[in-house]
Amino acid sequence: MKCCSFCPTEKNDLYVCPRCKKPYCSIRCYRSQQHALCSEKFYESCVRENNGEDVSSPPPAATATSFEDFMKKSTNGIGTDEEGEPLDSDDEDLSYLKEVVQKTADTFEEMDDNELQRQLTVAGIAGIGEPTDEEDEEYQMKLLLETLTVEEKREFQKMVDSMTVNEQGLTNSCFGKRM
C-alpha cells in the first residue's frame, strides 16, 4: 500500500505528479494547498506550451504593480502633466482654447451657406434662417393650397367655415324659439 503525499489515504494505485513525482490519490489532493506551488507551475507550463512559448526557458518575472503604476505604463503619459497628474478640462492652456476658437471662427467665415447648412443638418441642428416648426407648417399649408383647383378651394373654404361655426357655437342663437 502507498500513502498519498497530501492526505492520510492509503491505496494500492496512486497517481504521480509529473513535476515533483509525489504520489496523490485524487484531483483534490493534486490541487491542494500543499501541492499548489508545483501544480500552478505545471498549469503555467501547459499554457505557455499551448501559446507556442519555449517551456524550457524560465517564465518572465511577474511583478506586482499598483493600479497607478499600471495606468502610467499603459497611457505612456498621455493625459497627464509634467508631474504625472491627470489633466482635466480646467487644466487646459488658455492659449490653446483661444487658438481653437479662432480656427473655428475662420472656418465659419470661409464656409459658404450651403456647406454650413449641410454641416448643421448632419449635426442635427437647425440651420441659420431655417423656418421654425410653425413657419414650416404654414409654408407647407400654402404649398398645399396652391395645388388645389378653384372648385377644391371653394369646397375647402366651406368646410373650414362650417367647422369654425360649430366649434364656436355660433349655431346656438339666443334669438331662437323656446320650447
N, C-alpha and C. Protein backbone atom coordinates (compact mmCIF):
# COMPACT_ATOMS: atom_id res chain seq x y z
N MET A 1 0.83 -1.19 0.00
CA MET A 1 0.00 0.00 0.00
C MET A 1 0.88 1.25 0.00
N LYS A 2 0.41 2.25 -0.77
CA LYS A 2 1.13 3.51 -0.85
C LYS A 2 0.29 4.58 -0.17
N CYS A 3 0.96 5.54 0.42
CA CYS A 3 0.29 6.63 1.12
C CYS A 3 0.34 7.90 0.26
N CYS A 4 -0.81 8.62 0.21
CA CYS A 4 -0.89 9.89 -0.52
C CYS A 4 -0.01 10.92 0.19
N SER A 5 0.68 11.73 -0.58
CA SER A 5 1.57 12.74 0.00
C SER A 5 0.81 13.92 0.58
N PHE A 6 -0.49 14.04 0.27
CA PHE A 6 -1.23 15.23 0.68
C PHE A 6 -2.41 14.95 1.61
N CYS A 7 -2.72 13.67 1.82
CA CYS A 7 -3.78 13.30 2.76
C CYS A 7 -3.44 11.93 3.37
N PRO A 8 -4.16 11.50 4.40
CA PRO A 8 -3.83 10.22 5.05
C PRO A 8 -4.33 8.97 4.31
N THR A 9 -4.76 9.10 3.07
CA THR A 9 -5.31 7.96 2.33
C THR A 9 -4.18 7.00 1.93
N GLU A 10 -4.50 5.70 2.05
CA GLU A 10 -3.57 4.66 1.59
C GLU A 10 -4.27 3.84 0.52
N LYS A 11 -3.60 3.65 -0.60
CA LYS A 11 -4.17 2.89 -1.72
C LYS A 11 -3.06 2.09 -2.39
N ASN A 12 -3.51 1.11 -3.16
CA ASN A 12 -2.54 0.34 -3.94
C ASN A 12 -2.07 1.15 -5.14
N ASP A 13 -3.02 1.81 -5.81
CA ASP A 13 -2.69 2.58 -7.00
C ASP A 13 -2.90 4.07 -6.73
N LEU A 14 -1.83 4.83 -6.80
CA LEU A 14 -1.89 6.28 -6.65
C LEU A 14 -1.36 6.93 -7.92
N TYR A 15 -1.81 8.14 -8.17
CA TYR A 15 -1.28 8.92 -9.28
C TYR A 15 0.05 9.52 -8.84
N VAL A 16 0.86 9.92 -9.81
CA VAL A 16 2.15 10.52 -9.51
C VAL A 16 2.24 11.86 -10.25
N CYS A 17 2.62 12.91 -9.53
CA CYS A 17 2.76 14.24 -10.12
C CYS A 17 3.88 14.21 -11.15
N PRO A 18 3.64 14.74 -12.36
CA PRO A 18 4.68 14.71 -13.39
C PRO A 18 5.87 15.62 -13.09
N ARG A 19 5.69 16.58 -12.21
CA ARG A 19 6.78 17.52 -11.91
C ARG A 19 7.60 17.07 -10.70
N CYS A 20 6.90 16.89 -9.57
CA CYS A 20 7.64 16.61 -8.34
C CYS A 20 7.68 15.11 -8.00
N LYS A 21 6.95 14.30 -8.76
CA LYS A 21 6.92 12.84 -8.61
C LYS A 21 6.34 12.38 -7.28
N LYS A 22 5.57 13.23 -6.60
CA LYS A 22 4.92 12.83 -5.35
C LYS A 22 3.61 12.12 -5.67
N PRO A 23 3.30 11.06 -4.92
CA PRO A 23 2.05 10.34 -5.16
C PRO A 23 0.85 11.10 -4.57
N TYR A 24 -0.29 11.05 -5.28
CA TYR A 24 -1.52 11.66 -4.78
C TYR A 24 -2.69 10.75 -5.17
N CYS A 25 -3.80 10.86 -4.40
CA CYS A 25 -4.92 9.94 -4.61
C CYS A 25 -6.05 10.52 -5.46
N SER A 26 -6.19 11.83 -5.50
CA SER A 26 -7.32 12.43 -6.23
C SER A 26 -6.94 13.81 -6.75
N ILE A 27 -7.82 14.34 -7.58
CA ILE A 27 -7.59 15.70 -8.11
C ILE A 27 -7.63 16.71 -6.97
N ARG A 28 -8.41 16.41 -5.96
CA ARG A 28 -8.48 17.30 -4.79
C ARG A 28 -7.11 17.41 -4.13
N CYS A 29 -6.43 16.32 -3.99
CA CYS A 29 -5.09 16.36 -3.39
C CYS A 29 -4.09 17.05 -4.32
N TYR A 30 -4.22 16.80 -5.63
CA TYR A 30 -3.32 17.43 -6.60
C TYR A 30 -3.46 18.95 -6.54
N ARG A 31 -4.70 19.43 -6.35
CA ARG A 31 -4.94 20.87 -6.29
C ARG A 31 -4.87 21.43 -4.87
N SER A 32 -4.48 20.64 -3.92
CA SER A 32 -4.45 21.09 -2.52
C SER A 32 -3.43 22.20 -2.30
N GLN A 33 -3.56 22.87 -1.17
CA GLN A 33 -2.67 23.98 -0.83
C GLN A 33 -1.22 23.50 -0.70
N GLN A 34 -1.02 22.28 -0.17
CA GLN A 34 0.34 21.77 0.00
C GLN A 34 1.04 21.54 -1.35
N HIS A 35 0.25 21.30 -2.40
CA HIS A 35 0.81 21.00 -3.71
C HIS A 35 0.63 22.17 -4.68
N ALA A 36 0.11 23.29 -4.21
CA ALA A 36 -0.25 24.42 -5.07
C ALA A 36 0.93 24.96 -5.87
N LEU A 37 2.08 25.09 -5.25
CA LEU A 37 3.23 25.67 -5.95
C LEU A 37 3.61 24.81 -7.16
N CYS A 38 3.65 23.52 -6.97
CA CYS A 38 4.03 22.62 -8.06
C CYS A 38 2.94 22.57 -9.13
N SER A 39 1.68 22.43 -8.72
CA SER A 39 0.60 22.31 -9.71
C SER A 39 0.43 23.61 -10.50
N GLU A 40 0.59 24.74 -9.85
CA GLU A 40 0.48 26.02 -10.57
C GLU A 40 1.56 26.14 -11.63
N LYS A 41 2.78 25.72 -11.29
CA LYS A 41 3.86 25.77 -12.28
C LYS A 41 3.57 24.83 -13.44
N PHE A 42 2.96 23.68 -13.13
CA PHE A 42 2.60 22.73 -14.18
C PHE A 42 1.55 23.35 -15.11
N TYR A 43 0.51 23.95 -14.52
CA TYR A 43 -0.53 24.60 -15.34
C TYR A 43 0.07 25.73 -16.18
N GLU A 44 0.96 26.49 -15.57
CA GLU A 44 1.60 27.60 -16.28
C GLU A 44 2.40 27.10 -17.48
N SER A 45 3.15 26.02 -17.29
CA SER A 45 3.94 25.48 -18.40
C SER A 45 3.03 24.93 -19.50
N CYS A 46 1.88 24.36 -19.12
CA CYS A 46 0.92 23.88 -20.14
C CYS A 46 0.38 25.04 -20.96
N VAL A 47 0.05 26.13 -20.31
CA VAL A 47 -0.46 27.30 -21.01
C VAL A 47 0.61 27.88 -21.92
N ARG A 48 1.83 27.98 -21.41
CA ARG A 48 2.93 28.52 -22.23
C ARG A 48 3.18 27.63 -23.44
N GLU A 49 3.07 26.33 -23.25
CA GLU A 49 3.26 25.39 -24.35
C GLU A 49 2.15 25.56 -25.39
N ASN A 50 0.91 25.73 -24.93
CA ASN A 50 -0.21 25.96 -25.85
C ASN A 50 -0.06 27.26 -26.62
N ASN A 51 0.54 28.25 -26.01
CA ASN A 51 0.74 29.55 -26.66
C ASN A 51 1.97 29.55 -27.57
N GLY A 52 2.68 28.44 -27.63
CA GLY A 52 3.83 28.34 -28.51
C GLY A 52 5.10 28.90 -27.91
N GLU A 53 5.13 29.13 -26.62
CA GLU A 53 6.33 29.66 -25.98
C GLU A 53 7.28 28.51 -25.66
N ASP A 54 8.55 28.85 -25.47
CA ASP A 54 9.55 27.87 -25.09
C ASP A 54 9.38 27.53 -23.62
N VAL A 55 9.02 26.27 -23.33
CA VAL A 55 8.74 25.86 -21.95
C VAL A 55 10.04 25.67 -21.17
N SER A 56 11.14 25.39 -21.86
CA SER A 56 12.40 25.15 -21.16
C SER A 56 12.98 26.43 -20.57
N SER A 57 12.69 27.58 -21.20
CA SER A 57 13.20 28.83 -20.66
C SER A 57 12.33 29.28 -19.49
N PRO A 58 12.93 29.98 -18.54
CA PRO A 58 12.14 30.41 -17.39
C PRO A 58 11.10 31.46 -17.80
N PRO A 59 9.95 31.44 -17.14
CA PRO A 59 8.91 32.41 -17.49
C PRO A 59 9.34 33.81 -17.11
N PRO A 60 8.81 34.82 -17.78
CA PRO A 60 9.15 36.19 -17.41
C PRO A 60 8.70 36.48 -15.98
N ALA A 61 9.53 37.22 -15.28
CA ALA A 61 9.23 37.50 -13.88
C ALA A 61 7.99 38.37 -13.78
N ALA A 62 7.06 37.92 -12.97
CA ALA A 62 5.83 38.70 -12.76
C ALA A 62 6.07 39.68 -11.63
N THR A 63 5.74 40.91 -11.88
CA THR A 63 5.93 41.92 -10.84
C THR A 63 4.58 42.49 -10.47
N ALA A 64 4.38 42.62 -9.20
CA ALA A 64 3.14 43.22 -8.72
C ALA A 64 3.28 44.73 -8.81
N THR A 65 2.32 45.36 -9.45
CA THR A 65 2.35 46.81 -9.57
C THR A 65 1.04 47.38 -9.06
N SER A 66 1.13 48.59 -8.63
CA SER A 66 -0.09 49.25 -8.18
C SER A 66 -0.89 49.69 -9.40
N PHE A 67 -2.15 50.00 -9.19
CA PHE A 67 -3.01 50.45 -10.27
C PHE A 67 -2.45 51.72 -10.90
N GLU A 68 -1.94 52.62 -10.07
CA GLU A 68 -1.39 53.87 -10.59
C GLU A 68 -0.19 53.61 -11.50
N ASP A 69 0.69 52.69 -11.08
CA ASP A 69 1.85 52.35 -11.91
C ASP A 69 1.41 51.73 -13.23
N PHE A 70 0.43 50.85 -13.14
CA PHE A 70 -0.09 50.21 -14.35
C PHE A 70 -0.64 51.25 -15.31
N MET A 71 -1.41 52.20 -14.80
CA MET A 71 -2.01 53.23 -15.65
C MET A 71 -0.93 54.13 -16.25
N LYS A 72 0.11 54.44 -15.49
CA LYS A 72 1.19 55.26 -16.02
C LYS A 72 1.87 54.56 -17.19
N LYS A 73 2.10 53.24 -17.03
CA LYS A 73 2.75 52.49 -18.10
C LYS A 73 1.84 52.36 -19.32
N SER A 74 0.56 52.12 -19.08
CA SER A 74 -0.34 51.87 -20.22
C SER A 74 -0.70 53.14 -20.98
N THR A 75 -0.70 54.29 -20.31
CA THR A 75 -1.05 55.53 -21.01
C THR A 75 0.18 56.25 -21.55
N ASN A 76 1.36 55.84 -21.13
CA ASN A 76 2.61 56.47 -21.57
C ASN A 76 2.59 57.98 -21.38
N GLY A 77 1.98 58.43 -20.31
CA GLY A 77 1.98 59.85 -20.00
C GLY A 77 0.92 60.65 -20.73
N ILE A 78 0.11 60.01 -21.54
CA ILE A 78 -0.95 60.73 -22.25
C ILE A 78 -1.99 61.17 -21.24
N GLY A 79 -2.40 62.40 -21.32
CA GLY A 79 -3.43 62.91 -20.42
C GLY A 79 -2.91 63.28 -19.05
N THR A 80 -1.59 63.46 -18.93
CA THR A 80 -1.01 63.85 -17.65
C THR A 80 -0.10 65.04 -17.85
N ASP A 81 0.11 65.78 -16.78
CA ASP A 81 1.02 66.91 -16.87
C ASP A 81 2.44 66.44 -16.57
N GLU A 82 3.38 67.39 -16.41
CA GLU A 82 4.78 67.05 -16.19
C GLU A 82 5.00 66.23 -14.93
N GLU A 83 4.16 66.44 -13.92
CA GLU A 83 4.32 65.73 -12.65
C GLU A 83 3.58 64.40 -12.63
N GLY A 84 2.92 64.03 -13.75
CA GLY A 84 2.20 62.77 -13.81
C GLY A 84 0.77 62.86 -13.33
N GLU A 85 0.33 64.06 -13.00
CA GLU A 85 -1.05 64.24 -12.53
C GLU A 85 -1.99 64.26 -13.73
N PRO A 86 -3.18 63.64 -13.58
CA PRO A 86 -4.12 63.63 -14.71
C PRO A 86 -4.64 65.02 -15.03
N LEU A 87 -4.82 65.27 -16.32
CA LEU A 87 -5.36 66.55 -16.76
C LEU A 87 -6.87 66.47 -16.84
N ASP A 88 -7.52 67.56 -16.58
CA ASP A 88 -8.95 67.67 -16.85
C ASP A 88 -9.18 68.97 -17.60
N SER A 89 -10.42 69.25 -17.95
CA SER A 89 -10.70 70.41 -18.80
C SER A 89 -10.30 71.72 -18.15
N ASP A 90 -10.25 71.77 -16.81
CA ASP A 90 -9.88 73.01 -16.13
C ASP A 90 -8.39 73.31 -16.26
N ASP A 91 -7.60 72.28 -16.57
CA ASP A 91 -6.15 72.45 -16.63
C ASP A 91 -5.65 72.90 -18.00
N GLU A 92 -6.54 72.99 -18.99
CA GLU A 92 -6.09 73.29 -20.34
C GLU A 92 -5.56 74.72 -20.44
N ASP A 93 -4.59 74.86 -21.28
CA ASP A 93 -3.94 76.14 -21.51
C ASP A 93 -4.91 77.07 -22.22
N LEU A 94 -5.04 78.30 -21.72
CA LEU A 94 -5.98 79.25 -22.31
C LEU A 94 -5.59 79.63 -23.73
N SER A 95 -4.30 79.65 -24.02
CA SER A 95 -3.88 79.99 -25.38
C SER A 95 -4.36 78.92 -26.36
N TYR A 96 -4.37 77.68 -25.92
CA TYR A 96 -4.87 76.59 -26.76
C TYR A 96 -6.35 76.80 -27.06
N LEU A 97 -7.13 77.16 -26.04
CA LEU A 97 -8.56 77.38 -26.23
C LEU A 97 -8.80 78.56 -27.16
N LYS A 98 -8.01 79.62 -27.02
CA LYS A 98 -8.15 80.77 -27.91
C LYS A 98 -7.85 80.37 -29.36
N GLU A 99 -6.85 79.52 -29.53
CA GLU A 99 -6.48 79.05 -30.86
C GLU A 99 -7.62 78.24 -31.49
N VAL A 100 -8.25 77.39 -30.70
CA VAL A 100 -9.38 76.59 -31.20
C VAL A 100 -10.53 77.49 -31.60
N VAL A 101 -10.85 78.49 -30.78
CA VAL A 101 -11.94 79.42 -31.09
C VAL A 101 -11.62 80.18 -32.37
N GLN A 102 -10.39 80.63 -32.53
CA GLN A 102 -10.01 81.38 -33.73
C GLN A 102 -10.11 80.52 -34.98
N LYS A 103 -9.63 79.27 -34.90
CA LYS A 103 -9.71 78.38 -36.06
C LYS A 103 -11.16 78.11 -36.44
N THR A 104 -12.01 77.93 -35.43
CA THR A 104 -13.43 77.69 -35.69
C THR A 104 -14.07 78.89 -36.36
N ALA A 105 -13.75 80.09 -35.87
CA ALA A 105 -14.30 81.31 -36.47
C ALA A 105 -13.82 81.48 -37.90
N ASP A 106 -12.54 81.19 -38.17
CA ASP A 106 -12.01 81.29 -39.52
C ASP A 106 -12.70 80.31 -40.46
N THR A 107 -12.90 79.08 -39.99
CA THR A 107 -13.57 78.07 -40.80
C THR A 107 -15.00 78.50 -41.11
N PHE A 108 -15.67 79.08 -40.12
CA PHE A 108 -17.05 79.54 -40.30
C PHE A 108 -17.11 80.63 -41.36
N GLU A 109 -16.18 81.57 -41.31
CA GLU A 109 -16.18 82.68 -42.27
C GLU A 109 -15.88 82.22 -43.69
N GLU A 110 -15.05 81.19 -43.84
CA GLU A 110 -14.67 80.70 -45.16
C GLU A 110 -15.76 79.82 -45.79
N MET A 111 -16.63 79.27 -44.98
CA MET A 111 -17.62 78.31 -45.45
C MET A 111 -18.79 79.02 -46.13
N ASP A 112 -19.25 78.47 -47.27
CA ASP A 112 -20.42 79.06 -47.93
C ASP A 112 -21.70 78.58 -47.21
N ASP A 113 -22.81 79.25 -47.50
CA ASP A 113 -24.06 78.98 -46.79
C ASP A 113 -24.55 77.55 -46.98
N ASN A 114 -24.42 77.02 -48.19
CA ASN A 114 -24.89 75.65 -48.46
C ASN A 114 -24.11 74.63 -47.65
N GLU A 115 -22.79 74.81 -47.58
CA GLU A 115 -21.95 73.88 -46.81
C GLU A 115 -22.27 73.99 -45.32
N LEU A 116 -22.46 75.21 -44.85
CA LEU A 116 -22.81 75.42 -43.44
C LEU A 116 -24.15 74.75 -43.13
N GLN A 117 -25.11 74.94 -44.01
CA GLN A 117 -26.43 74.34 -43.84
C GLN A 117 -26.31 72.82 -43.81
N ARG A 118 -25.48 72.26 -44.70
CA ARG A 118 -25.30 70.81 -44.75
C ARG A 118 -24.69 70.28 -43.46
N GLN A 119 -23.65 70.96 -42.96
CA GLN A 119 -23.00 70.51 -41.74
C GLN A 119 -23.91 70.62 -40.53
N LEU A 120 -24.70 71.68 -40.48
CA LEU A 120 -25.65 71.82 -39.38
C LEU A 120 -26.72 70.74 -39.44
N THR A 121 -27.17 70.41 -40.63
CA THR A 121 -28.17 69.36 -40.79
C THR A 121 -27.59 68.02 -40.37
N VAL A 122 -26.35 67.74 -40.78
CA VAL A 122 -25.70 66.49 -40.40
C VAL A 122 -25.56 66.40 -38.88
N ALA A 123 -25.28 67.53 -38.25
CA ALA A 123 -25.13 67.56 -36.79
C ALA A 123 -26.47 67.53 -36.07
N GLY A 124 -27.58 67.64 -36.82
CA GLY A 124 -28.90 67.61 -36.20
C GLY A 124 -29.31 68.94 -35.62
N ILE A 125 -28.73 70.02 -36.14
CA ILE A 125 -29.04 71.36 -35.64
C ILE A 125 -29.73 72.13 -36.77
N ALA A 126 -30.81 72.83 -36.43
CA ALA A 126 -31.49 73.63 -37.45
C ALA A 126 -30.55 74.73 -37.90
N GLY A 127 -30.47 74.92 -39.21
CA GLY A 127 -29.57 75.92 -39.75
C GLY A 127 -30.05 77.33 -39.51
N ILE A 128 -29.15 78.28 -39.74
CA ILE A 128 -29.48 79.69 -39.57
C ILE A 128 -30.47 80.09 -40.65
N GLY A 129 -31.55 80.74 -40.28
CA GLY A 129 -32.54 81.20 -41.24
C GLY A 129 -33.53 80.12 -41.66
N GLU A 130 -33.41 78.91 -41.10
CA GLU A 130 -34.38 77.87 -41.42
C GLU A 130 -35.69 78.18 -40.71
N PRO A 131 -36.81 77.84 -41.33
CA PRO A 131 -38.09 78.11 -40.68
C PRO A 131 -38.28 77.24 -39.44
N THR A 132 -38.95 77.79 -38.46
CA THR A 132 -39.29 77.01 -37.27
C THR A 132 -40.41 76.06 -37.63
N ASP A 133 -40.81 75.21 -36.70
CA ASP A 133 -41.88 74.25 -36.97
C ASP A 133 -43.16 74.96 -37.40
N GLU A 134 -43.51 76.05 -36.69
CA GLU A 134 -44.73 76.78 -37.03
C GLU A 134 -44.63 77.39 -38.42
N GLU A 135 -43.50 78.04 -38.71
CA GLU A 135 -43.31 78.65 -40.02
C GLU A 135 -43.31 77.59 -41.11
N ASP A 136 -42.69 76.45 -40.84
CA ASP A 136 -42.63 75.36 -41.80
C ASP A 136 -44.03 74.82 -42.07
N GLU A 137 -44.84 74.71 -41.03
CA GLU A 137 -46.21 74.22 -41.18
C GLU A 137 -47.03 75.18 -42.04
N GLU A 138 -46.88 76.47 -41.78
CA GLU A 138 -47.60 77.47 -42.59
C GLU A 138 -47.15 77.39 -44.05
N TYR A 139 -45.88 77.25 -44.27
CA TYR A 139 -45.34 77.15 -45.63
C TYR A 139 -45.90 75.92 -46.34
N GLN A 140 -45.93 74.80 -45.64
CA GLN A 140 -46.46 73.57 -46.22
C GLN A 140 -47.94 73.72 -46.58
N MET A 141 -48.70 74.43 -45.72
CA MET A 141 -50.13 74.66 -45.99
C MET A 141 -50.29 75.52 -47.25
N LYS A 142 -49.46 76.55 -47.38
CA LYS A 142 -49.54 77.41 -48.57
C LYS A 142 -49.27 76.60 -49.84
N LEU A 143 -48.25 75.74 -49.77
CA LEU A 143 -47.95 74.90 -50.93
C LEU A 143 -49.11 73.98 -51.27
N LEU A 144 -49.72 73.41 -50.24
CA LEU A 144 -50.84 72.51 -50.45
C LEU A 144 -52.04 73.24 -51.06
N LEU A 145 -52.34 74.42 -50.55
CA LEU A 145 -53.46 75.21 -51.07
C LEU A 145 -53.23 75.62 -52.52
N GLU A 146 -51.99 75.88 -52.87
CA GLU A 146 -51.68 76.28 -54.25
C GLU A 146 -51.92 75.14 -55.24
N THR A 147 -51.88 73.91 -54.76
CA THR A 147 -52.10 72.77 -55.66
C THR A 147 -53.58 72.50 -55.91
N LEU A 148 -54.47 73.09 -55.09
CA LEU A 148 -55.92 72.86 -55.26
C LEU A 148 -56.47 73.68 -56.43
N THR A 149 -57.49 73.12 -57.06
CA THR A 149 -58.20 73.86 -58.12
C THR A 149 -59.12 74.88 -57.46
N VAL A 150 -59.72 75.77 -58.27
CA VAL A 150 -60.63 76.81 -57.74
C VAL A 150 -61.82 76.15 -57.04
N GLU A 151 -62.38 75.12 -57.63
CA GLU A 151 -63.53 74.43 -57.03
C GLU A 151 -63.14 73.76 -55.71
N GLU A 152 -61.96 73.12 -55.67
CA GLU A 152 -61.49 72.47 -54.44
C GLU A 152 -61.25 73.50 -53.34
N LYS A 153 -60.73 74.66 -53.73
CA LYS A 153 -60.51 75.73 -52.74
C LYS A 153 -61.84 76.19 -52.16
N ARG A 154 -62.89 76.34 -53.02
CA ARG A 154 -64.21 76.77 -52.56
C ARG A 154 -64.79 75.74 -51.58
N GLU A 155 -64.70 74.47 -51.91
CA GLU A 155 -65.21 73.40 -51.03
C GLU A 155 -64.44 73.38 -49.71
N PHE A 156 -63.15 73.55 -49.80
CA PHE A 156 -62.32 73.57 -48.59
C PHE A 156 -62.72 74.74 -47.69
N GLN A 157 -62.93 75.91 -48.28
CA GLN A 157 -63.31 77.09 -47.50
C GLN A 157 -64.67 76.87 -46.83
N LYS A 158 -65.63 76.23 -47.52
CA LYS A 158 -66.94 75.93 -46.92
C LYS A 158 -66.76 75.01 -45.72
N MET A 159 -65.91 74.01 -45.86
CA MET A 159 -65.68 73.07 -44.76
C MET A 159 -65.05 73.79 -43.56
N VAL A 160 -64.10 74.65 -43.81
CA VAL A 160 -63.45 75.40 -42.73
C VAL A 160 -64.46 76.30 -42.04
N ASP A 161 -65.30 77.00 -42.81
CA ASP A 161 -66.32 77.88 -42.23
C ASP A 161 -67.29 77.09 -41.37
N SER A 162 -67.72 75.95 -41.86
CA SER A 162 -68.66 75.10 -41.12
C SER A 162 -68.05 74.63 -39.81
N MET A 163 -66.79 74.22 -39.85
CA MET A 163 -66.11 73.76 -38.63
C MET A 163 -65.96 74.91 -37.64
N THR A 164 -65.64 76.09 -38.13
CA THR A 164 -65.47 77.26 -37.26
C THR A 164 -66.78 77.60 -36.58
N VAL A 165 -67.88 77.59 -37.32
CA VAL A 165 -69.20 77.89 -36.76
C VAL A 165 -69.55 76.88 -35.68
N ASN A 166 -69.33 75.61 -35.95
CA ASN A 166 -69.67 74.57 -34.98
C ASN A 166 -68.79 74.65 -33.73
N GLU A 167 -67.50 74.89 -33.91
CA GLU A 167 -66.58 74.96 -32.77
C GLU A 167 -66.90 76.14 -31.86
N GLN A 168 -67.27 77.24 -32.42
CA GLN A 168 -67.52 78.43 -31.62
C GLN A 168 -68.95 78.52 -31.13
N GLY A 169 -69.77 77.55 -31.50
CA GLY A 169 -71.15 77.53 -31.03
C GLY A 169 -72.00 78.63 -31.62
N LEU A 170 -71.71 79.08 -32.82
CA LEU A 170 -72.46 80.16 -33.45
C LEU A 170 -73.84 79.72 -33.93
N THR A 171 -74.09 78.41 -33.97
CA THR A 171 -75.42 77.93 -34.39
C THR A 171 -76.43 78.04 -33.26
N ASN A 172 -75.97 78.22 -32.05
CA ASN A 172 -76.87 78.35 -30.90
C ASN A 172 -77.18 79.82 -30.69
N SER A 173 -78.24 80.27 -31.25
CA SER A 173 -78.61 81.67 -31.15
C SER A 173 -79.51 81.89 -29.93
N CYS A 174 -79.34 82.99 -29.29
CA CYS A 174 -80.20 83.34 -28.16
C CYS A 174 -81.57 83.83 -28.65
N PHE A 175 -81.69 84.06 -29.94
CA PHE A 175 -82.94 84.56 -30.51
C PHE A 175 -83.81 83.44 -31.07
N GLY A 176 -83.39 82.21 -30.91
CA GLY A 176 -84.17 81.11 -31.45
C GLY A 176 -85.44 80.85 -30.65
N LYS A 177 -86.32 79.94 -31.16
CA LYS A 177 -87.57 79.60 -30.49
C LYS A 177 -87.28 78.85 -29.21
N ARG A 178 -88.11 79.14 -28.22
CA ARG A 178 -88.03 78.39 -26.97
C ARG A 178 -89.03 77.26 -27.01
N MET A 179 -88.68 76.23 -26.44
CA MET A 179 -89.60 75.11 -26.42
C MET A 179 -90.30 74.97 -25.12
